[in-house]
């Protein structure tokens, strides 16, 4: 099911299948008419390329659109800065970058939940205004970006 492009909505661009499963778990109990997981990018650099080449024009055409890239940070402390620098200036307010500090498989081992279960727990944290899983060592680096994203999507995503 696709979203209404003229209403506030969120596209989720996952780097790989593990991140897609986390996204699916996240949206399982949400208003699915305002969030859509798009096909995987097959790599974090490809996700950035797809954002700038494929999704940016649509974001300019549909000002209610937001997009979140879900990538593996692979313990690279510069990855967020690099990805952020690639986001066109006119879209920075509506593009968000989240992910596991290493990779989803490490998170799965640590918390003993499958990928979709991880996504469900992250969504529960968001809807309950808690940070139980978001404060995990492999996720806490997302804090600033998550807070920024919640301000932009909470009214239409968690109602």
Protein backbone atom coordinates (compact mmCIF):
# COMPACT_ATOMS: atom_id res chain seq x y z
CA UNK A 1 0.00 0.00 0.00
CA UNK A 2 1.36 3.40 -0.87
CA UNK A 3 0.97 6.60 1.07
CA UNK A 4 -1.00 9.70 0.12
CA UNK A 5 1.71 11.96 -1.31
CA UNK A 6 -0.27 15.09 -0.49
CA UNK A 7 -0.59 14.34 3.24
CA UNK A 8 2.21 14.10 5.81
CA UNK A 9 3.98 10.76 5.34
CA UNK A 10 7.26 8.98 5.94
CA UNK A 11 9.24 6.85 3.53
CA UNK A 12 11.72 4.39 5.02
CA UNK A 13 14.75 3.55 2.90
CA UNK A 14 16.58 0.57 4.44
CA UNK A 15 20.15 -0.25 3.52
CA UNK A 16 19.59 -4.01 3.59
CA UNK A 17 17.12 -6.74 4.45
CA UNK A 18 17.94 -6.75 8.18
CA UNK A 19 17.12 -3.04 8.38
CA UNK A 20 13.98 -3.63 6.31
CA UNK A 21 12.83 -6.21 8.85
CA UNK A 22 13.49 -3.77 11.71
CA UNK A 23 11.45 -1.14 9.84
CA UNK A 24 8.61 -3.63 9.28
CA UNK A 25 8.59 -4.47 12.99
CA UNK A 26 8.53 -0.75 13.80
CA UNK A 27 5.51 -0.03 11.62
CA UNK A 28 3.55 -3.17 12.47
CA UNK A 29 1.25 -1.37 14.92
CA UNK A 30 1.32 2.09 13.37
CA UNK A 31 -0.97 3.90 10.96
CA UNK A 32 0.26 2.18 7.81
CA UNK A 33 -1.36 4.74 5.54
CA UNK A 34 1.31 7.31 6.46
CA UNK A 35 4.47 5.19 6.37
CA UNK A 36 5.93 3.12 3.57
CA UNK A 37 9.06 0.98 3.46
CA UNK A 38 10.59 1.29 0.01
CA UNK A 39 12.78 -1.41 -1.57
CA UNK A 40 16.19 -1.97 0.03
CA UNK A 41 19.11 0.00 -1.35
CA UNK A 42 21.65 -2.83 -1.04
CA UNK A 43 24.28 -0.80 0.81
CA UNK A 44 24.56 2.43 2.76
CA UNK A 45 26.28 4.30 -0.09
CA UNK A 46 23.55 3.17 -2.47
CA UNK A 47 20.95 4.42 0.01
CA UNK A 48 22.59 7.85 -0.06
CA UNK A 49 22.75 7.77 -3.87
CA UNK A 50 19.08 6.77 -4.10
CA UNK A 51 18.14 9.58 -1.73
CA UNK A 52 19.94 12.24 -3.74
CA UNK A 53 19.18 10.91 -7.23
CA UNK A 54 15.80 9.18 -6.94
CA UNK A 55 13.94 10.50 -3.89
CA UNK A 56 15.06 14.15 -3.68
CA UNK A 57 12.98 15.26 -6.70
CA UNK A 58 9.84 13.70 -5.18
CA UNK A 59 10.56 15.35 -1.85
CA UNK A 60 10.70 18.71 -3.59
CA UNK A 61 7.44 17.97 -5.38
CA UNK A 62 5.68 16.72 -2.23
CA UNK A 63 6.56 18.97 0.73
CA UNK A 64 4.72 16.73 3.23
CA UNK A 65 7.16 13.86 2.52
CA UNK A 66 9.84 12.86 4.99
CA UNK A 67 12.35 10.06 4.56
CA UNK A 68 14.47 8.09 6.97
CA UNK A 69 17.53 6.18 5.86
CA UNK A 70 18.21 3.15 8.02
CA UNK A 71 21.85 2.22 7.62
CA UNK A 72 24.56 0.24 9.36
CA UNK A 73 27.21 2.54 10.80
CA UNK A 74 29.75 -0.33 10.89
CA UNK A 75 31.52 1.37 13.81
CA UNK A 76 32.56 4.19 11.47
CA UNK A 77 32.38 7.40 13.50
CA UNK A 78 32.47 9.53 10.35
CA UNK A 79 29.66 7.80 8.49
CA UNK A 80 26.86 9.96 9.86
CA UNK A 81 28.75 13.16 9.00
CA UNK A 82 29.43 11.89 5.50
CA UNK A 83 25.80 10.90 4.89
CA UNK A 84 24.54 14.16 6.35
CA UNK A 85 26.87 16.12 4.06
CA UNK A 86 25.30 14.40 1.03
CA UNK A 87 21.74 15.45 1.89
CA UNK A 88 20.69 18.46 -0.21
CA UNK A 89 20.42 21.56 1.96
CA UNK A 90 16.81 22.23 1.03
CA UNK A 91 15.80 18.76 2.28
CA UNK A 92 17.85 18.46 5.49
CA UNK A 93 14.83 19.24 7.70
CA UNK A 94 12.91 16.27 6.27
CA UNK A 95 15.64 13.64 5.94
CA UNK A 96 16.72 11.52 8.91
CA UNK A 97 19.51 8.99 9.27
CA UNK A 98 19.25 6.22 11.88
CA UNK A 99 20.91 2.87 12.40
CA UNK A 100 22.83 0.45 14.55
CA UNK A 101 26.35 1.58 15.53
CA UNK A 102 27.78 -1.67 14.19
CA UNK A 103 25.14 -3.75 12.39
CA UNK A 104 21.67 -5.20 13.10
CA UNK A 105 23.08 -8.67 13.68
CA UNK A 106 25.08 -7.37 16.66
CA UNK A 107 21.97 -5.77 18.11
CA UNK A 108 19.98 -8.98 17.59
CA UNK A 109 22.62 -10.97 19.52
CA UNK A 110 22.78 -8.41 22.35
CA UNK A 111 19.05 -8.02 22.98
CA UNK A 112 18.00 -11.54 21.95
CA UNK A 113 15.14 -10.35 19.72
CA UNK A 114 14.71 -10.95 16.02
CA UNK A 115 14.88 -7.94 13.72
CA UNK A 116 11.13 -7.34 13.65
CA UNK A 117 10.99 -7.68 17.44
CA UNK A 118 13.69 -5.02 17.69
CA UNK A 119 11.62 -2.73 15.49
CA UNK A 120 8.51 -3.31 17.60
CA UNK A 121 10.44 -2.45 20.78
CA UNK A 122 11.82 0.72 19.19
CA UNK A 123 8.32 1.80 18.11
CA UNK A 124 6.98 1.14 21.61
CA UNK A 125 9.73 3.38 23.02
CA UNK A 126 8.68 6.14 20.62
CA UNK A 127 4.95 5.89 21.27
CA UNK A 128 5.46 5.58 25.06
CA UNK A 129 8.03 8.41 25.23
CA UNK A 130 10.60 6.03 26.70
CA UNK A 131 14.09 5.21 25.58
CA UNK A 132 14.61 1.73 26.93
CA UNK A 133 15.98 0.18 23.72
CA UNK A 134 17.03 3.46 22.14
CA UNK A 135 19.48 3.87 25.05
CA UNK A 136 21.21 0.58 24.19
CA UNK A 137 24.95 1.02 23.51
CA UNK A 138 24.47 0.15 19.83
CA UNK A 139 21.63 2.67 19.37
CA UNK A 140 22.24 5.59 21.72
CA UNK A 141 24.26 7.48 19.08
CA UNK A 142 20.89 8.10 17.33
CA UNK A 143 19.61 10.31 20.17
CA UNK A 144 19.89 13.73 18.50
CA UNK A 145 18.64 12.52 15.12
CA UNK A 146 15.80 10.58 16.74
CA UNK A 147 14.66 13.61 18.73
CA UNK A 148 14.70 15.71 15.57
CA UNK A 149 12.72 13.07 13.69
CA UNK A 150 10.12 12.61 16.43
CA UNK A 151 9.36 16.34 16.36
CA UNK A 152 8.68 16.06 12.64
CA UNK A 153 6.62 12.83 12.51
CA UNK A 154 5.02 12.16 15.88
CA UNK A 155 1.75 14.00 15.20
CA UNK A 156 0.88 11.95 12.13
CA UNK A 157 2.71 8.72 12.89
CA UNK A 158 1.63 7.97 16.45
CA UNK A 159 -1.97 9.17 16.62
